[in-house]
Structures are given as structure tokens and as C-alpha cells.
Amino acid sequence: MVLKDCSRCMVYTPQGKVLAEAAVIHTRDFISLYFEMTMGDTRMITTVDFYDDRVGLVRGICELVIHRNPAFPEMPQRWMADCTIREVKGTLQRQQDIRARVNIETSFASERHGAFYGVIRNISAGGLYVTTKQPLDRDEMITFQYAFRSARRTFQARTIRARRLHDEYGYGCGFVDLSDTAEAVIREYVYRVLKEKDKERDRT
């Protein structure tokens, strides 16, 4: 069994677009996915990103048999999928999480230093790199709000390392208390940014 401790995943369409997040329940021999969104009876071969707390990110080519959940309404999800991993395309340890270079200007807040502006220069499901004119302390907690998908969420991070950059500072920060849903939202955003950059390179 490839998965060790996985409770969430992201399912893509066979064309590579995001289809849905799903809860994961797995044993030694079986993997079941449970969808909160409305699905339909179908069978497909597609990519699934599993977010495993012990292994890291596991990307697999999977066969999914999607059908109504016979345990509904005892379980809240109406739809589920029997999942078989046909091929593992790769694994990524959490400390090696995929990063995307971005340029997101937003406001931050700190209990020690109050409100300040900064620019997120890169981001992954593990953390972000921020540049700002505001000096911050090591291990300082900061928060910000941003809509990486449609809903605006509040994110909390802790400064891990600092660097002086002429008239501003650069801070490497790790996310704190990131929920499974928020982690999936950020991963989806990172993949979307990277895919767009790949398309731009292909056009040049």
C-alpha cells in the first residue's frame, strides 16, 4: 500500500483540470474517496494527488469507479469512488513542497507590530516567502486574508528565517494550523500557477 496516513486528496479530470476535493479512507487493500459535491456514475482513469501526513504528496494515476454512497445519509457525502492506484507518478516530501513564484500584494497583521503591507513572492502548501518594509521578529506570528480560490480565507504563518534586502526584508514563513481544506486550496492554486507558466513557455 502506497498510502500510510491519508485523509484528503485532489481529483483531476482526465484532461488535467481540477475536478473535486475528496475525503480518503484507506486500508491495506482498499481506497475509497468521498465527494461533497454532486458527481455522477462513471468510470475513469485520471490523476489523483493524495496528501499523506507520513509520506507527503503522492501523485498517482488511478482508476476511479464513481457511484452513489450506500452509507448516505449516515455519512454526509452522497457520492464516493472506489479507487485503485495503477501507477505512482511521484512523491514529494512535505519539506520539499512544490513552490510557485507569485507577486501577491496584500496586508498582514501581527500582534507585535500591527498591520503592515507585504508582497508574497512564492508560496507552497508548507509556507510562503514575504518581502516587506516592516521589521519582524523570528518566530513571529502573522496573519493575512486571500482568496486563492473563490472564498476568502484567513491564513496564519510563523516567521522562520529573515534576510535584509536593501530597504526591505524578506521572510520565509511556515503555515500554522493549516486545515486539510485550506492546504488543498493552496496546492490547487500552486498547480494552476505552474500550469499557466508552462503554457506561457510553450507559446514562446
Protein backbone atom coordinates (compact mmCIF):
# COMPACT_ATOMS: atom_id res chain seq x y z
CA MET A 1 0.00 0.00 0.00
CA VAL A 2 1.43 3.35 -1.10
CA LEU A 3 -0.64 5.42 1.33
CA LYS A 4 0.24 5.44 5.02
CA ASP A 5 -1.88 8.16 6.66
CA CYS A 6 -4.02 9.98 4.11
CA SER A 7 -7.36 11.67 4.73
CA ARG A 8 -7.67 14.13 1.79
CA CYS A 9 -6.95 14.21 -1.92
CA MET A 10 -7.46 16.28 -5.05
CA VAL A 11 -9.01 14.58 -8.08
CA TYR A 12 -8.37 15.85 -11.61
CA THR A 13 -10.23 15.23 -14.84
CA PRO A 14 -8.52 13.08 -17.48
CA GLN A 15 -7.80 16.40 -19.28
CA GLY A 16 -5.84 17.66 -16.26
CA LYS A 17 -8.33 20.13 -14.79
CA VAL A 18 -9.29 20.15 -11.12
CA LEU A 19 -12.44 18.07 -10.62
CA ALA A 20 -13.01 17.89 -6.86
CA GLU A 21 -11.53 17.50 -3.42
CA ALA A 22 -12.36 14.27 -1.65
CA ALA A 23 -12.05 12.66 1.75
CA VAL A 24 -9.98 9.48 1.75
CA ILE A 25 -10.47 6.30 3.74
CA HIS A 26 -7.94 3.56 3.05
CA THR A 27 -6.98 0.15 4.36
CA ARG A 28 -4.27 -2.25 3.27
CA ASP A 29 -6.27 -3.36 0.24
CA PHE A 30 -8.86 -0.66 -0.48
CA ILE A 31 -9.02 3.08 -1.12
CA SER A 32 -12.34 4.91 -1.04
CA LEU A 33 -12.89 8.57 -1.94
CA TYR A 34 -15.89 10.57 -0.69
CA PHE A 35 -17.12 13.69 -2.50
CA GLU A 36 -19.05 16.60 -1.03
CA MET A 37 -20.00 17.88 -4.48
CA THR A 38 -22.54 16.22 -6.79
CA MET A 39 -20.97 13.64 -9.08
CA GLY A 40 -22.36 11.02 -11.44
CA ASP A 41 -21.98 7.30 -12.09
CA THR A 42 -18.85 6.88 -14.17
CA ARG A 43 -15.53 5.08 -14.50
CA MET A 44 -12.33 6.93 -15.40
CA ILE A 45 -8.55 6.75 -15.42
CA THR A 46 -7.18 10.01 -14.07
CA THR A 47 -4.64 11.75 -11.82
CA VAL A 48 -5.17 11.99 -8.09
CA ASP A 49 -2.96 13.90 -5.63
CA PHE A 50 -3.04 12.27 -2.19
CA TYR A 51 -1.99 14.40 0.80
CA ASP A 52 -0.43 11.85 3.12
CA ASP A 53 0.74 13.08 6.54
CA ARG A 54 3.52 10.47 6.67
CA VAL A 55 4.56 10.08 3.05
CA GLY A 56 3.94 13.60 1.74
CA LEU A 57 2.23 14.31 -1.56
CA VAL A 58 1.63 11.16 -3.62
CA ARG A 59 0.60 11.66 -7.26
CA GLY A 60 -0.99 8.60 -8.78
CA ILE A 61 -2.66 7.52 -11.99
CA CYS A 62 -5.84 5.96 -10.65
CA GLU A 63 -8.86 4.06 -11.83
CA LEU A 64 -11.97 5.53 -10.23
CA VAL A 65 -15.40 3.92 -10.18
CA ILE A 66 -17.72 6.71 -9.04
CA HIS A 67 -21.14 5.79 -7.67
CA ARG A 68 -23.65 6.78 -5.01
CA ASN A 69 -22.53 6.25 -1.44
CA PRO A 70 -24.58 3.40 0.05
CA ALA A 71 -23.79 4.72 3.55
CA PHE A 72 -25.62 8.02 2.91
CA PRO A 73 -27.20 9.63 4.94
CA GLU A 74 -25.21 8.09 7.83
CA MET A 75 -22.21 9.60 6.02
CA PRO A 76 -22.66 13.19 4.75
CA GLN A 77 -21.22 12.54 1.27
CA ARG A 78 -23.73 11.36 -1.33
CA TRP A 79 -21.08 10.23 -3.80
CA MET A 80 -17.98 8.08 -3.49
CA ALA A 81 -15.42 6.32 -5.65
CA ASP A 82 -13.65 3.00 -5.44
CA CYS A 83 -10.05 3.94 -6.18
CA THR A 84 -7.22 1.79 -7.50
CA ILE A 85 -3.75 3.31 -7.90
CA ARG A 86 -2.44 1.98 -11.23
CA GLU A 87 0.83 3.90 -11.23
CA VAL A 88 2.66 6.22 -8.82
CA LYS A 89 3.99 9.18 -10.81
CA GLY A 90 5.96 10.58 -7.89
CA THR A 91 6.07 11.51 -4.23
CA LEU A 92 7.07 14.78 -2.64
CA GLN A 93 8.07 15.13 0.99
CA ARG A 94 6.32 17.99 2.77
CA GLN A 95 9.60 19.86 3.34
CA GLN A 96 10.20 19.69 -0.43
CA ASP A 97 6.76 21.01 -1.30
CA ILE A 98 6.26 22.47 -4.76
CA ARG A 99 6.57 26.25 -4.77
CA ALA A 100 5.19 28.74 -7.25
CA ARG A 101 6.65 32.18 -7.83
CA VAL A 102 3.94 34.81 -7.44
CA ASN A 103 3.57 38.53 -6.86
CA ILE A 104 0.67 38.95 -4.44
CA GLU A 105 0.41 42.32 -2.69
CA THR A 106 -1.67 42.06 0.46
CA SER A 107 -1.99 43.33 4.02
CA PHE A 108 -0.74 41.38 7.02
CA ALA A 109 -1.34 41.65 10.75
CA SER A 110 0.89 40.91 13.72
CA GLU A 111 0.16 41.18 17.43
CA ARG A 112 3.64 42.62 17.96
CA HIS A 113 3.77 45.08 15.06
CA GLY A 114 0.17 45.66 13.99
CA ALA A 115 -0.94 45.95 10.37
CA PHE A 116 1.56 46.19 7.52
CA TYR A 117 1.78 45.59 3.78
CA GLY A 118 3.89 42.98 2.09
CA VAL A 119 4.32 41.02 -1.13
CA ILE A 120 4.14 37.22 -1.28
CA ARG A 121 6.95 36.21 -3.64
CA ASN A 122 6.50 32.45 -3.58
CA ILE A 123 4.11 30.03 -1.92
CA SER A 124 3.62 26.33 -1.30
CA ALA A 125 1.37 24.25 0.93
CA GLY A 126 4.15 24.40 3.51
CA GLY A 127 4.70 28.14 3.64
CA LEU A 128 5.47 31.38 1.84
CA TYR A 129 8.18 33.96 1.28
CA VAL A 130 7.21 37.57 2.01
CA THR A 131 9.02 40.84 1.38
CA THR A 132 8.05 43.92 3.39
CA LYS A 133 9.46 47.13 4.80
CA GLN A 134 8.21 46.09 8.24
CA PRO A 135 10.89 44.56 10.51
CA LEU A 136 9.60 41.38 12.13
CA ASP A 137 10.97 39.10 14.84
CA ARG A 138 11.94 35.47 14.47
CA ASP A 139 9.06 33.11 15.33
CA GLU A 140 6.60 35.98 14.99
CA MET A 141 3.02 35.02 14.12
CA ILE A 142 1.46 36.88 11.19
CA THR A 143 -1.94 36.56 9.52
CA PHE A 144 -3.35 37.53 6.16
CA GLN A 145 -6.52 37.02 4.12
CA TYR A 146 -6.63 35.97 0.50
CA ALA A 147 -8.95 34.19 -1.96
CA PHE A 148 -6.75 31.54 -3.56
CA ARG A 149 -9.94 30.05 -4.95
CA SER A 150 -13.34 31.75 -4.70
CA ALA A 151 -13.73 32.08 -0.92
CA ARG A 152 -11.57 34.48 1.05
CA ARG A 153 -9.76 32.72 3.89
CA THR A 154 -7.60 33.76 6.81
CA PHE A 155 -4.14 32.19 6.95
CA GLN A 156 -1.69 32.15 9.83
CA ALA A 157 2.08 31.74 9.49
CA ARG A 158 5.21 31.95 11.61
CA THR A 159 8.44 33.65 10.51
CA ILE A 160 11.26 31.11 10.29
CA ARG A 161 14.15 32.95 8.64
CA ALA A 162 14.86 36.57 7.73
CA ARG A 163 17.03 38.35 5.17
CA ARG A 164 17.83 42.04 4.71
CA LEU A 165 17.11 43.22 1.14
CA HIS A 166 18.38 46.81 0.76
CA ASP A 167 15.43 48.90 2.01
CA GLU A 168 13.17 45.96 2.94
CA TYR A 169 13.20 42.50 4.49
CA GLY A 170 12.49 39.01 3.22
CA TYR A 171 10.88 36.43 5.49
CA GLY A 172 10.49 32.71 5.00
CA CYS A 173 7.33 31.69 6.84
CA GLY A 174 5.68 28.36 7.64
CA PHE A 175 1.92 27.95 7.75
CA VAL A 176 0.42 27.24 11.17
CA ASP A 177 -2.73 25.16 11.83
CA LEU A 178 -3.49 24.82 8.13
CA SER A 179 -6.67 22.80 7.66
CA ASP A 180 -6.88 20.00 5.11
CA THR A 181 -9.25 22.10 3.01
CA ALA A 182 -7.01 25.18 3.13
CA GLU A 183 -3.99 23.04 2.22
CA ALA A 184 -5.84 21.60 -0.76
CA VAL A 185 -6.86 25.12 -1.86
CA ILE A 186 -3.24 26.30 -1.80
CA ARG A 187 -1.97 23.19 -3.62
CA GLU A 188 -4.61 23.70 -6.30
CA TYR A 189 -3.58 27.34 -6.65
CA VAL A 190 0.14 26.43 -6.89
CA TYR A 191 -0.51 23.83 -9.57
CA ARG A 192 -2.69 26.28 -11.50
CA VAL A 193 0.06 28.92 -11.45
CA LEU A 194 2.70 26.42 -12.57
CA LYS A 195 0.49 25.13 -15.38
CA GLU A 196 -0.12 28.66 -16.63
CA LYS A 197 3.60 29.33 -16.66
CA ASP A 198 4.17 26.09 -18.58
CA LYS A 199 1.61 27.22 -21.15
CA GLU A 200 3.34 30.61 -21.46
CA ARG A 201 6.68 28.88 -22.08
CA ASP A 202 5.07 26.67 -24.73
CA ARG A 203 3.72 29.74 -26.54
CA THR A 204 7.14 31.43 -26.68
